[in-house]
């Protein structure tokens, strides 16, 4: 039976460390005043100067928005990928690995732009008492995913709906942020698909903040 233990042996054999972190976090991007038919009607009549509030007048704006995304991709040589029946994270992982191999983990940039059809809240037009009326509905529309990489924070994406009022979401991942902080401080770790299995020790105190 062993009588004496040093601190390292006591920690390894008798102390369990647990790590808790924020998983995926979604931040909604939207203009509150354009989420109701009443305010959309106000936007069409006052801002666009149209005599009647009809969702048909919003189509050219949507077309211009989509064309601007395509033009951006062409001018900056960013690949546009239409998602199929596959995990978006798997597609993004392949692009991320290629980006890091070419530019290094401390670089930053746009990996690619993904396109996927998803259901979204929209404003439609119906006839009521001989006049166009706006009402809330849903439709399958294209969403554009901008997958990016930040040298300090890690991978993240911003997605935009291609239909008015072009609501978006920013998705960040606390585990990915922690991985980058550990790597920047030279602390080894073993990563899981979305998390950490263990963290290596070093002599200096660990201060991630």
N, C-alpha and C. Protein backbone atom coordinates (compact mmCIF):
# COMPACT_ATOMS: atom_id res chain seq x y z
N UNK A 1 0.84 -1.19 0.00
CA UNK A 1 0.00 0.00 0.00
C UNK A 1 0.88 1.24 0.00
N UNK A 2 0.57 2.14 -0.90
CA UNK A 2 1.37 3.34 -1.03
C UNK A 2 0.96 4.35 0.04
N UNK A 3 1.96 4.91 0.74
CA UNK A 3 1.67 5.83 1.83
C UNK A 3 1.69 7.28 1.34
N UNK A 4 2.71 7.68 0.62
CA UNK A 4 2.86 9.08 0.23
C UNK A 4 2.34 9.36 -1.18
N UNK A 5 1.67 10.45 -1.36
CA UNK A 5 1.17 10.89 -2.66
C UNK A 5 1.62 12.33 -2.88
N UNK A 6 1.96 12.66 -4.10
CA UNK A 6 2.18 14.07 -4.42
C UNK A 6 0.88 14.66 -4.98
N UNK A 7 0.87 15.97 -5.21
CA UNK A 7 -0.36 16.65 -5.63
C UNK A 7 -0.84 16.13 -6.98
N UNK A 8 0.07 15.93 -7.92
CA UNK A 8 -0.31 15.47 -9.26
C UNK A 8 -0.98 14.10 -9.19
N UNK A 9 -0.44 13.20 -8.37
CA UNK A 9 -1.03 11.86 -8.24
C UNK A 9 -2.40 11.92 -7.59
N UNK A 10 -2.56 12.78 -6.60
CA UNK A 10 -3.86 12.93 -5.96
C UNK A 10 -4.91 13.43 -6.96
N UNK A 11 -4.53 14.38 -7.80
CA UNK A 11 -5.47 14.90 -8.79
C UNK A 11 -5.83 13.83 -9.81
N UNK A 12 -4.83 13.10 -10.29
CA UNK A 12 -5.08 12.09 -11.32
C UNK A 12 -5.97 10.96 -10.80
N UNK A 13 -5.77 10.56 -9.54
CA UNK A 13 -6.43 9.37 -9.04
C UNK A 13 -7.70 9.66 -8.23
N UNK A 14 -7.84 10.87 -7.72
CA UNK A 14 -8.94 11.11 -6.80
C UNK A 14 -9.79 12.35 -7.12
N UNK A 15 -9.39 13.14 -8.10
CA UNK A 15 -10.12 14.38 -8.40
C UNK A 15 -10.63 14.33 -9.83
N UNK A 16 -11.90 14.60 -9.99
CA UNK A 16 -12.51 14.66 -11.32
C UNK A 16 -12.85 16.11 -11.64
N UNK A 17 -12.37 16.57 -12.79
CA UNK A 17 -12.67 17.92 -13.23
C UNK A 17 -13.76 17.86 -14.29
N UNK A 18 -14.75 18.72 -14.17
CA UNK A 18 -15.81 18.81 -15.15
C UNK A 18 -15.75 20.16 -15.85
N UNK A 19 -16.01 20.14 -17.13
CA UNK A 19 -16.00 21.36 -17.93
C UNK A 19 -17.39 21.61 -18.48
N UNK A 20 -17.94 22.77 -18.20
CA UNK A 20 -19.24 23.14 -18.72
C UNK A 20 -19.08 24.35 -19.63
N UNK A 21 -19.76 24.32 -20.76
CA UNK A 21 -19.67 25.43 -21.70
C UNK A 21 -20.95 25.59 -22.48
N UNK A 22 -21.12 26.77 -23.03
CA UNK A 22 -22.29 27.04 -23.86
C UNK A 22 -22.16 26.28 -25.17
N UNK A 23 -23.21 25.60 -25.54
CA UNK A 23 -23.23 24.89 -26.82
C UNK A 23 -23.59 25.90 -27.91
N UNK A 24 -24.38 25.52 -28.85
CA UNK A 24 -24.77 26.46 -29.91
C UNK A 24 -25.69 27.55 -29.35
N UNK A 25 -25.46 28.75 -29.80
CA UNK A 25 -26.28 29.89 -29.40
C UNK A 25 -26.74 30.62 -30.66
N UNK A 26 -28.04 30.83 -30.77
CA UNK A 26 -28.60 31.53 -31.92
C UNK A 26 -29.01 32.94 -31.53
N UNK A 27 -28.57 33.91 -32.30
CA UNK A 27 -28.93 35.30 -32.10
C UNK A 27 -29.78 35.74 -33.29
N UNK A 28 -31.01 36.16 -33.02
CA UNK A 28 -31.92 36.55 -34.10
C UNK A 28 -31.58 37.94 -34.62
N UNK A 29 -31.61 38.08 -35.94
CA UNK A 29 -31.34 39.35 -36.60
C UNK A 29 -32.60 39.77 -37.34
N UNK A 30 -33.24 40.82 -36.89
CA UNK A 30 -34.47 41.25 -37.54
C UNK A 30 -34.81 42.69 -37.15
N UNK A 31 -35.69 43.30 -37.94
CA UNK A 31 -36.21 44.64 -37.65
C UNK A 31 -37.60 44.46 -37.07
N UNK A 32 -37.80 44.76 -35.79
CA UNK A 32 -39.09 44.49 -35.15
C UNK A 32 -40.28 45.12 -35.89
N UNK A 33 -40.10 46.32 -36.41
CA UNK A 33 -41.22 47.01 -37.05
C UNK A 33 -41.69 46.40 -38.36
N UNK A 34 -40.91 45.46 -38.93
CA UNK A 34 -41.30 44.87 -40.20
C UNK A 34 -41.78 43.42 -40.04
N UNK A 35 -42.20 43.06 -38.84
CA UNK A 35 -42.64 41.69 -38.59
C UNK A 35 -44.16 41.55 -38.62
N UNK A 36 -44.89 42.63 -38.82
CA UNK A 36 -46.36 42.57 -38.85
C UNK A 36 -46.86 43.15 -40.16
N UNK A 37 -47.99 42.66 -40.67
CA UNK A 37 -48.54 43.20 -41.92
C UNK A 37 -48.80 44.70 -41.86
N UNK A 38 -49.22 45.18 -40.70
CA UNK A 38 -49.54 46.61 -40.59
C UNK A 38 -48.31 47.48 -40.85
N UNK A 39 -47.18 47.10 -40.26
CA UNK A 39 -45.97 47.89 -40.45
C UNK A 39 -45.38 47.68 -41.84
N UNK A 40 -45.55 46.50 -42.41
CA UNK A 40 -45.10 46.27 -43.78
C UNK A 40 -45.90 47.16 -44.73
N UNK A 41 -47.20 47.28 -44.49
CA UNK A 41 -48.03 48.17 -45.31
C UNK A 41 -47.55 49.61 -45.20
N UNK A 42 -47.19 50.02 -44.00
CA UNK A 42 -46.65 51.37 -43.79
C UNK A 42 -45.35 51.56 -44.55
N UNK A 43 -44.49 50.55 -44.53
CA UNK A 43 -43.21 50.61 -45.25
C UNK A 43 -43.44 50.76 -46.75
N UNK A 44 -44.38 49.98 -47.27
CA UNK A 44 -44.65 50.02 -48.72
C UNK A 44 -45.21 51.37 -49.14
N UNK A 45 -46.13 51.91 -48.38
CA UNK A 45 -46.79 53.15 -48.77
C UNK A 45 -45.93 54.37 -48.49
N UNK A 46 -45.30 54.42 -47.32
CA UNK A 46 -44.54 55.62 -46.95
C UNK A 46 -43.11 55.60 -47.46
N UNK A 47 -42.43 54.47 -47.31
CA UNK A 47 -41.02 54.41 -47.71
C UNK A 47 -40.87 54.19 -49.21
N UNK A 48 -41.66 53.24 -49.76
CA UNK A 48 -41.56 52.97 -51.19
C UNK A 48 -42.44 53.90 -52.02
N UNK A 49 -43.39 54.56 -51.36
CA UNK A 49 -44.25 55.51 -52.08
C UNK A 49 -45.27 54.87 -53.00
N UNK A 50 -45.72 53.65 -52.66
CA UNK A 50 -46.71 52.96 -53.49
C UNK A 50 -48.11 53.32 -53.02
N UNK A 51 -49.07 53.45 -53.95
CA UNK A 51 -50.44 53.82 -53.55
C UNK A 51 -51.16 52.72 -52.78
N UNK A 52 -50.84 51.44 -53.08
CA UNK A 52 -51.47 50.32 -52.41
C UNK A 52 -50.39 49.41 -51.80
N UNK A 53 -50.72 48.84 -50.66
CA UNK A 53 -49.80 47.92 -49.99
C UNK A 53 -49.99 46.52 -50.53
N UNK A 54 -49.11 46.08 -51.39
CA UNK A 54 -49.16 44.74 -51.96
C UNK A 54 -47.78 44.11 -51.88
N UNK A 55 -47.73 42.83 -51.51
CA UNK A 55 -46.44 42.14 -51.40
C UNK A 55 -45.75 42.00 -52.75
N UNK A 56 -46.49 42.20 -53.86
CA UNK A 56 -45.89 42.07 -55.19
C UNK A 56 -44.78 43.09 -55.41
N UNK A 57 -44.89 44.26 -54.78
CA UNK A 57 -43.87 45.31 -55.00
C UNK A 57 -42.56 44.98 -54.27
N UNK A 58 -42.58 43.96 -53.40
CA UNK A 58 -41.38 43.58 -52.68
C UNK A 58 -40.50 42.61 -53.47
N UNK A 59 -41.06 42.00 -54.51
CA UNK A 59 -40.31 41.01 -55.30
C UNK A 59 -39.04 41.58 -55.90
N UNK A 60 -39.05 42.79 -56.51
CA UNK A 60 -37.79 43.33 -57.05
C UNK A 60 -36.71 43.52 -55.99
N UNK A 61 -37.12 43.88 -54.77
CA UNK A 61 -36.13 44.04 -53.70
C UNK A 61 -35.50 42.70 -53.37
N UNK A 62 -36.32 41.65 -53.29
CA UNK A 62 -35.80 40.31 -53.00
C UNK A 62 -34.87 39.83 -54.11
N UNK A 63 -35.28 40.07 -55.35
CA UNK A 63 -34.43 39.66 -56.48
C UNK A 63 -33.08 40.39 -56.43
N UNK A 64 -33.11 41.66 -56.09
CA UNK A 64 -31.87 42.42 -55.99
C UNK A 64 -30.98 41.93 -54.86
N UNK A 65 -31.60 41.54 -53.77
CA UNK A 65 -30.85 41.02 -52.62
C UNK A 65 -30.13 39.73 -52.99
N UNK A 66 -30.84 38.83 -53.65
CA UNK A 66 -30.23 37.55 -54.06
C UNK A 66 -29.13 37.79 -55.09
N UNK A 67 -29.37 38.68 -56.03
CA UNK A 67 -28.37 38.96 -57.06
C UNK A 67 -27.12 39.58 -56.43
N UNK A 68 -27.30 40.39 -55.40
CA UNK A 68 -26.15 40.99 -54.72
C UNK A 68 -25.29 39.91 -54.05
N UNK A 69 -25.93 38.88 -53.48
CA UNK A 69 -25.18 37.78 -52.87
C UNK A 69 -24.39 37.03 -53.94
N UNK A 70 -25.04 36.74 -55.06
CA UNK A 70 -24.36 36.02 -56.14
C UNK A 70 -23.20 36.84 -56.71
N UNK A 71 -23.40 38.14 -56.86
CA UNK A 71 -22.34 39.01 -57.36
C UNK A 71 -21.15 39.03 -56.40
N UNK A 72 -21.45 39.09 -55.11
CA UNK A 72 -20.40 39.08 -54.09
C UNK A 72 -19.57 37.80 -54.20
N UNK A 73 -20.24 36.68 -54.35
CA UNK A 73 -19.53 35.40 -54.46
C UNK A 73 -18.66 35.34 -55.71
N UNK A 74 -19.18 35.85 -56.82
CA UNK A 74 -18.38 35.85 -58.06
C UNK A 74 -17.16 36.74 -57.92
N UNK A 75 -17.36 37.95 -57.40
CA UNK A 75 -16.26 38.91 -57.33
C UNK A 75 -15.18 38.48 -56.35
N UNK A 76 -15.57 37.78 -55.28
CA UNK A 76 -14.59 37.37 -54.27
C UNK A 76 -14.22 35.89 -54.38
N UNK A 77 -14.70 35.24 -55.44
CA UNK A 77 -14.39 33.83 -55.71
C UNK A 77 -14.74 32.94 -54.52
N UNK A 78 -15.93 33.18 -54.00
CA UNK A 78 -16.46 32.37 -52.90
C UNK A 78 -17.42 31.34 -53.49
N UNK A 79 -17.23 30.09 -53.14
CA UNK A 79 -18.07 29.03 -53.69
C UNK A 79 -19.46 29.06 -53.06
N UNK A 80 -20.48 28.91 -53.93
CA UNK A 80 -21.86 28.82 -53.46
C UNK A 80 -22.30 27.36 -53.57
N UNK A 81 -22.75 26.80 -52.46
CA UNK A 81 -23.08 25.37 -52.39
C UNK A 81 -24.55 25.21 -52.05
N UNK A 82 -25.26 24.45 -52.85
CA UNK A 82 -26.66 24.13 -52.53
C UNK A 82 -26.69 22.85 -51.72
N UNK A 83 -27.18 22.97 -50.48
CA UNK A 83 -27.21 21.81 -49.60
C UNK A 83 -28.18 20.75 -50.13
N UNK A 84 -27.76 19.51 -50.02
CA UNK A 84 -28.62 18.39 -50.39
C UNK A 84 -29.10 17.71 -49.10
N UNK A 85 -29.47 16.46 -49.17
CA UNK A 85 -29.92 15.75 -47.98
C UNK A 85 -28.70 15.28 -47.20
N UNK A 86 -28.09 16.22 -46.49
CA UNK A 86 -26.87 15.97 -45.76
C UNK A 86 -26.80 16.93 -44.58
N UNK A 87 -25.97 16.61 -43.61
CA UNK A 87 -25.79 17.50 -42.47
C UNK A 87 -24.97 18.71 -42.90
N UNK A 88 -25.50 19.89 -42.63
CA UNK A 88 -24.77 21.11 -43.00
C UNK A 88 -23.44 21.17 -42.28
N UNK A 89 -23.39 20.68 -41.04
CA UNK A 89 -22.15 20.71 -40.28
C UNK A 89 -21.05 19.88 -40.94
N UNK A 90 -21.44 18.76 -41.59
CA UNK A 90 -20.46 17.92 -42.26
C UNK A 90 -19.86 18.64 -43.46
N UNK A 91 -20.70 19.35 -44.21
CA UNK A 91 -20.21 20.12 -45.36
C UNK A 91 -19.28 21.23 -44.88
N UNK A 92 -19.71 21.94 -43.84
CA UNK A 92 -18.90 23.04 -43.32
C UNK A 92 -17.56 22.54 -42.78
N UNK A 93 -17.55 21.37 -42.17
CA UNK A 93 -16.31 20.82 -41.60
C UNK A 93 -15.26 20.60 -42.68
N UNK A 94 -15.68 20.09 -43.84
CA UNK A 94 -14.73 19.85 -44.93
C UNK A 94 -14.13 21.16 -45.43
N UNK A 95 -14.96 22.18 -45.56
CA UNK A 95 -14.46 23.49 -46.01
C UNK A 95 -13.55 24.12 -44.94
N UNK A 96 -13.89 23.92 -43.68
CA UNK A 96 -13.08 24.47 -42.60
C UNK A 96 -11.70 23.83 -42.58
N UNK A 97 -11.65 22.53 -42.72
CA UNK A 97 -10.36 21.83 -42.71
C UNK A 97 -9.49 22.30 -43.87
N UNK A 98 -10.09 22.49 -45.04
CA UNK A 98 -9.32 22.96 -46.20
C UNK A 98 -8.82 24.39 -45.97
N UNK A 99 -9.65 25.22 -45.36
CA UNK A 99 -9.27 26.61 -45.09
C UNK A 99 -8.10 26.68 -44.11
N UNK A 100 -8.18 25.89 -43.04
CA UNK A 100 -7.12 25.90 -42.02
C UNK A 100 -5.81 25.37 -42.60
N UNK A 101 -5.89 24.34 -43.44
CA UNK A 101 -4.68 23.80 -44.07
C UNK A 101 -3.99 24.84 -44.93
N UNK A 102 -4.78 25.64 -45.63
CA UNK A 102 -4.21 26.61 -46.56
C UNK A 102 -3.77 27.90 -45.88
N UNK A 103 -4.56 28.37 -44.90
CA UNK A 103 -4.29 29.68 -44.31
C UNK A 103 -3.80 29.64 -42.86
N UNK A 104 -3.98 28.53 -42.17
CA UNK A 104 -3.59 28.45 -40.77
C UNK A 104 -4.74 28.76 -39.83
N UNK A 105 -4.61 28.30 -38.58
CA UNK A 105 -5.70 28.43 -37.61
C UNK A 105 -5.91 29.86 -37.13
N UNK A 106 -4.90 30.72 -37.32
CA UNK A 106 -5.03 32.09 -36.85
C UNK A 106 -5.63 33.02 -37.90
N UNK A 107 -5.94 32.49 -39.07
CA UNK A 107 -6.50 33.32 -40.15
C UNK A 107 -8.00 33.49 -39.97
N UNK A 108 -8.57 34.36 -40.75
CA UNK A 108 -10.01 34.63 -40.71
C UNK A 108 -10.53 34.77 -42.13
N UNK A 109 -11.78 34.39 -42.33
CA UNK A 109 -12.34 34.55 -43.67
C UNK A 109 -13.67 33.84 -43.84
N UNK A 110 -14.25 34.04 -45.01
CA UNK A 110 -15.50 33.40 -45.41
C UNK A 110 -15.18 32.08 -46.09
N UNK A 111 -15.75 30.98 -45.58
CA UNK A 111 -15.46 29.66 -46.12
C UNK A 111 -16.24 29.38 -47.39
N UNK A 112 -17.54 29.57 -47.34
CA UNK A 112 -18.41 29.36 -48.50
C UNK A 112 -19.79 29.90 -48.15
N UNK A 113 -20.66 29.94 -49.14
CA UNK A 113 -22.05 30.36 -48.93
C UNK A 113 -22.94 29.17 -49.29
N UNK A 114 -23.73 28.72 -48.35
CA UNK A 114 -24.64 27.60 -48.58
C UNK A 114 -26.06 28.07 -48.84
N UNK A 115 -26.80 27.30 -49.61
CA UNK A 115 -28.18 27.62 -49.95
C UNK A 115 -29.07 26.45 -49.58
N UNK A 116 -30.14 26.72 -48.84
CA UNK A 116 -31.07 25.66 -48.43
C UNK A 116 -32.48 26.21 -48.40
N UNK A 117 -33.44 25.39 -48.81
CA UNK A 117 -34.85 25.79 -48.73
C UNK A 117 -35.40 25.45 -47.36
N UNK A 118 -36.01 26.45 -46.74
CA UNK A 118 -36.59 26.27 -45.42
C UNK A 118 -37.88 27.08 -45.33
N UNK A 119 -38.73 26.68 -44.42
CA UNK A 119 -39.99 27.41 -44.23
C UNK A 119 -39.73 28.68 -43.45
N UNK A 120 -40.36 29.77 -43.89
CA UNK A 120 -40.14 31.07 -43.26
C UNK A 120 -41.45 31.83 -43.16
N UNK A 121 -41.61 32.69 -42.15
CA UNK A 121 -42.79 33.56 -42.08
C UNK A 121 -42.70 34.64 -43.16
N UNK A 122 -43.78 34.83 -43.88
CA UNK A 122 -43.82 35.82 -44.95
C UNK A 122 -45.11 36.62 -44.87
N UNK A 123 -45.16 37.68 -45.63
CA UNK A 123 -46.37 38.49 -45.76
C UNK A 123 -46.92 38.30 -47.16
N UNK A 124 -48.19 37.90 -47.26
CA UNK A 124 -48.84 37.69 -48.55
C UNK A 124 -49.97 38.70 -48.74
N UNK A 125 -50.50 38.71 -49.97
CA UNK A 125 -51.57 39.63 -50.31
C UNK A 125 -52.83 38.87 -50.68
N UNK A 126 -53.96 39.32 -50.18
CA UNK A 126 -55.24 38.77 -50.59
C UNK A 126 -56.21 39.92 -50.88
N UNK A 127 -57.24 39.61 -51.65
CA UNK A 127 -58.27 40.60 -51.96
C UNK A 127 -59.34 40.60 -50.89
N UNK A 128 -59.65 41.78 -50.38
CA UNK A 128 -60.69 41.92 -49.37
C UNK A 128 -61.46 43.20 -49.65
N UNK A 129 -62.75 43.03 -49.92
CA UNK A 129 -63.61 44.18 -50.25
C UNK A 129 -63.07 44.95 -51.46
N UNK A 130 -62.46 44.23 -52.39
CA UNK A 130 -61.96 44.87 -53.61
C UNK A 130 -60.60 45.51 -53.48
N UNK A 131 -59.96 45.41 -52.31
CA UNK A 131 -58.66 46.03 -52.10
C UNK A 131 -57.65 44.96 -51.65
N UNK A 132 -56.36 45.20 -51.95
CA UNK A 132 -55.33 44.26 -51.48
C UNK A 132 -55.10 44.41 -49.99
N UNK A 133 -55.06 43.26 -49.30
CA UNK A 133 -54.79 43.25 -47.85
C UNK A 133 -53.59 42.34 -47.60
N UNK A 134 -52.76 42.76 -46.69
CA UNK A 134 -51.61 41.96 -46.32
C UNK A 134 -51.94 41.07 -45.12
N UNK A 135 -51.40 39.85 -45.11
CA UNK A 135 -51.62 38.94 -43.99
C UNK A 135 -50.38 38.05 -43.81
N UNK A 136 -50.20 37.56 -42.61
CA UNK A 136 -49.05 36.71 -42.29
C UNK A 136 -49.30 35.28 -42.77
N UNK A 137 -48.24 34.67 -43.31
CA UNK A 137 -48.33 33.30 -43.78
C UNK A 137 -46.93 32.69 -43.70
N UNK A 138 -46.76 31.52 -44.29
CA UNK A 138 -45.44 30.89 -44.36
C UNK A 138 -45.20 30.40 -45.78
N UNK A 139 -43.95 30.21 -46.13
CA UNK A 139 -43.60 29.72 -47.47
C UNK A 139 -42.22 29.08 -47.42
N UNK A 140 -41.96 28.20 -48.38
CA UNK A 140 -40.64 27.60 -48.52
C UNK A 140 -39.79 28.53 -49.38
N UNK A 141 -38.74 29.08 -48.79
CA UNK A 141 -37.89 30.03 -49.50
C UNK A 141 -36.42 29.64 -49.30
N UNK A 142 -35.56 30.25 -50.09
CA UNK A 142 -34.13 29.99 -49.95
C UNK A 142 -33.54 30.79 -48.79
N UNK A 143 -32.73 30.12 -48.00
CA UNK A 143 -31.91 30.76 -46.99
C UNK A 143 -30.46 30.69 -47.44
N UNK A 144 -29.72 31.76 -47.21
CA UNK A 144 -28.32 31.81 -47.59
C UNK A 144 -27.45 31.79 -46.33
N UNK A 145 -26.62 30.76 -46.23
CA UNK A 145 -25.76 30.54 -45.06
C UNK A 145 -24.35 31.02 -45.37
N UNK A 146 -23.87 31.98 -44.61
CA UNK A 146 -22.50 32.46 -44.75
C UNK A 146 -21.66 31.80 -43.65
N UNK A 147 -20.89 30.79 -44.05
CA UNK A 147 -20.03 30.08 -43.09
C UNK A 147 -18.67 30.77 -43.03
N UNK A 148 -18.30 31.19 -41.83
CA UNK A 148 -17.08 31.97 -41.63
C UNK A 148 -16.18 31.33 -40.58
N UNK A 149 -14.94 31.82 -40.55
CA UNK A 149 -14.00 31.36 -39.53
C UNK A 149 -13.28 32.56 -38.94
N UNK A 150 -13.24 32.62 -37.62
CA UNK A 150 -12.59 33.70 -36.90
C UNK A 150 -11.41 33.12 -36.11
N UNK A 151 -10.24 33.75 -36.21
CA UNK A 151 -9.05 33.22 -35.55
C UNK A 151 -9.16 33.19 -34.05
N UNK A 152 -9.99 34.04 -33.48
CA UNK A 152 -10.15 34.09 -32.03
C UNK A 152 -11.35 33.28 -31.55
N UNK A 153 -12.40 33.22 -32.37
CA UNK A 153 -13.64 32.58 -31.92
C UNK A 153 -13.87 31.21 -32.55
N UNK A 154 -13.32 30.98 -33.73
CA UNK A 154 -13.55 29.71 -34.40
C UNK A 154 -14.63 29.82 -35.46
N UNK A 155 -15.22 28.70 -35.88
CA UNK A 155 -16.24 28.73 -36.94
C UNK A 155 -17.59 29.23 -36.44
N UNK A 156 -18.31 29.91 -37.32
CA UNK A 156 -19.66 30.37 -37.04
C UNK A 156 -20.36 30.60 -38.38
N UNK A 157 -21.68 30.80 -38.34
CA UNK A 157 -22.36 31.14 -39.59
C UNK A 157 -23.47 32.15 -39.34
N UNK A 158 -23.78 32.90 -40.39
CA UNK A 158 -24.91 33.82 -40.40
C UNK A 158 -25.80 33.40 -41.56
N UNK A 159 -27.09 33.23 -41.30
CA UNK A 159 -27.99 32.88 -42.39
C UNK A 159 -29.06 33.95 -42.56
N UNK A 160 -29.39 34.22 -43.83
CA UNK A 160 -30.38 35.23 -44.17
C UNK A 160 -31.49 34.61 -45.00
N UNK A 161 -32.71 35.00 -44.68
CA UNK A 161 -33.86 34.62 -45.51
C UNK A 161 -33.84 35.49 -46.76
N UNK A 162 -34.11 34.91 -47.91
CA UNK A 162 -34.08 35.66 -49.17
C UNK A 162 -35.39 36.38 -49.45
N UNK A 163 -36.35 36.28 -48.52
CA UNK A 163 -37.65 36.92 -48.71
C UNK A 163 -37.82 38.02 -47.67
N UNK A 164 -38.45 39.10 -48.09
CA UNK A 164 -38.71 40.24 -47.21
C UNK A 164 -39.42 39.79 -45.93
N UNK A 165 -38.98 40.27 -44.74
CA UNK A 165 -38.00 41.34 -44.47
C UNK A 165 -36.58 40.85 -44.20
N UNK A 166 -36.20 39.69 -44.78
CA UNK A 166 -34.81 39.22 -44.77
C UNK A 166 -34.27 39.00 -43.35
N UNK A 167 -35.06 38.33 -42.54
CA UNK A 167 -34.61 38.01 -41.18
C UNK A 167 -33.41 37.07 -41.24
N UNK A 168 -32.58 37.16 -40.23
CA UNK A 168 -31.39 36.32 -40.19
C UNK A 168 -31.13 35.75 -38.82
N UNK A 169 -30.13 34.88 -38.75
CA UNK A 169 -29.69 34.31 -37.48
C UNK A 169 -28.18 34.18 -37.50
N UNK A 170 -27.58 34.51 -36.37
CA UNK A 170 -26.16 34.29 -36.17
C UNK A 170 -26.01 33.10 -35.23
N UNK A 171 -25.25 32.10 -35.65
CA UNK A 171 -25.03 30.91 -34.83
C UNK A 171 -23.58 30.86 -34.40
N UNK A 172 -23.35 30.89 -33.08
CA UNK A 172 -22.01 30.77 -32.53
C UNK A 172 -21.97 29.54 -31.62
N UNK A 173 -20.77 29.08 -31.30
CA UNK A 173 -20.62 27.85 -30.53
C UNK A 173 -19.57 28.07 -29.44
N UNK A 174 -19.99 27.97 -28.19
CA UNK A 174 -19.08 28.18 -27.08
C UNK A 174 -17.96 27.17 -27.02
N UNK A 175 -18.22 25.93 -27.47
CA UNK A 175 -17.17 24.91 -27.47
C UNK A 175 -16.06 25.28 -28.45
N UNK A 176 -16.47 25.81 -29.62
CA UNK A 176 -15.47 26.20 -30.61
C UNK A 176 -14.64 27.37 -30.11
N UNK A 177 -15.29 28.30 -29.40
CA UNK A 177 -14.54 29.41 -28.81
C UNK A 177 -13.51 28.90 -27.81
N UNK A 178 -13.91 27.94 -26.99
CA UNK A 178 -13.00 27.39 -25.98
C UNK A 178 -11.82 26.68 -26.64
N UNK A 179 -12.09 25.96 -27.73
CA UNK A 179 -11.00 25.29 -28.43
C UNK A 179 -9.96 26.29 -28.92
N UNK A 180 -10.44 27.41 -29.47
CA UNK A 180 -9.51 28.42 -29.98
C UNK A 180 -8.71 29.05 -28.85
N UNK A 181 -9.36 29.30 -27.71
CA UNK A 181 -8.65 29.91 -26.59
C UNK A 181 -7.57 28.98 -26.05
N UNK A 182 -7.88 27.69 -25.98
CA UNK A 182 -6.88 26.72 -25.54
C UNK A 182 -5.71 26.64 -26.52
N UNK A 183 -6.03 26.62 -27.82
CA UNK A 183 -4.98 26.53 -28.83
C UNK A 183 -4.09 27.77 -28.81
N UNK A 184 -4.70 28.95 -28.65
CA UNK A 184 -3.92 30.19 -28.62
C UNK A 184 -2.99 30.25 -27.42
N UNK A 185 -3.38 29.60 -26.32
CA UNK A 185 -2.55 29.60 -25.11
C UNK A 185 -1.64 28.38 -25.03
N UNK A 186 -1.62 27.58 -26.08
CA UNK A 186 -0.72 26.44 -26.11
C UNK A 186 -1.10 25.31 -25.19
N UNK A 187 -2.39 25.17 -24.90
CA UNK A 187 -2.86 24.11 -24.01
C UNK A 187 -3.46 22.99 -24.86
N UNK A 188 -2.93 21.79 -24.73
CA UNK A 188 -3.40 20.68 -25.52
C UNK A 188 -4.78 20.21 -25.09
N UNK A 189 -5.53 19.64 -26.01
CA UNK A 189 -6.85 19.10 -25.70
C UNK A 189 -7.22 18.05 -26.73
N UNK A 190 -8.17 17.21 -26.35
CA UNK A 190 -8.72 16.20 -27.26
C UNK A 190 -10.17 16.58 -27.53
N UNK A 191 -10.46 16.85 -28.80
CA UNK A 191 -11.77 17.38 -29.16
C UNK A 191 -12.75 16.28 -29.53
N UNK A 192 -14.00 16.50 -29.20
CA UNK A 192 -15.10 15.66 -29.67
C UNK A 192 -15.73 16.35 -30.88
N UNK A 193 -16.78 15.77 -31.42
CA UNK A 193 -17.47 16.37 -32.56
C UNK A 193 -18.01 17.75 -32.19
N UNK A 194 -18.55 17.87 -30.99
CA UNK A 194 -19.03 19.17 -30.53
C UNK A 194 -18.78 19.28 -29.02
N UNK A 195 -17.52 19.43 -28.68
CA UNK A 195 -17.16 19.51 -27.27
C UNK A 195 -15.71 19.08 -27.07
N UNK A 196 -15.35 18.86 -25.82
CA UNK A 196 -13.99 18.46 -25.47
C UNK A 196 -14.03 17.20 -24.61
N UNK A 197 -13.13 16.26 -24.90
CA UNK A 197 -13.03 15.04 -24.10
C UNK A 197 -12.14 15.27 -22.89
N UNK A 198 -11.01 15.93 -23.12
CA UNK A 198 -10.12 16.25 -22.01
C UNK A 198 -9.22 17.40 -22.40
N UNK A 199 -8.59 18.01 -21.38
CA UNK A 199 -7.69 19.13 -21.58
C UNK A 199 -6.36 18.79 -20.95
N UNK A 200 -5.27 19.03 -21.67
CA UNK A 200 -3.94 18.75 -21.14
C UNK A 200 -3.55 19.78 -20.09
N UNK A 201 -2.61 19.38 -19.23
CA UNK A 201 -2.15 20.27 -18.17
C UNK A 201 -0.91 21.01 -18.62
N UNK A 202 -0.65 22.14 -18.00
CA UNK A 202 0.62 22.83 -18.15
C UNK A 202 0.92 23.52 -16.81
N UNK A 203 2.14 23.98 -16.66
CA UNK A 203 2.57 24.52 -15.38
C UNK A 203 1.89 25.81 -15.02
N UNK A 204 1.68 26.68 -16.02
CA UNK A 204 1.09 27.99 -15.73
C UNK A 204 -0.40 27.86 -15.44
N UNK A 205 -0.90 28.83 -14.72
CA UNK A 205 -2.34 28.84 -14.43
C UNK A 205 -3.12 29.06 -15.72
N UNK A 206 -4.26 28.42 -15.82
CA UNK A 206 -5.12 28.58 -16.98
C UNK A 206 -6.10 29.72 -16.74
N UNK A 207 -6.01 30.73 -17.57
CA UNK A 207 -6.93 31.88 -17.47
C UNK A 207 -7.44 32.18 -18.86
N UNK A 208 -8.65 31.73 -19.15
CA UNK A 208 -9.21 31.92 -20.50
C UNK A 208 -9.89 33.25 -20.67
N UNK A 209 -10.02 34.02 -19.62
CA UNK A 209 -10.71 35.28 -19.71
C UNK A 209 -9.72 36.40 -19.60
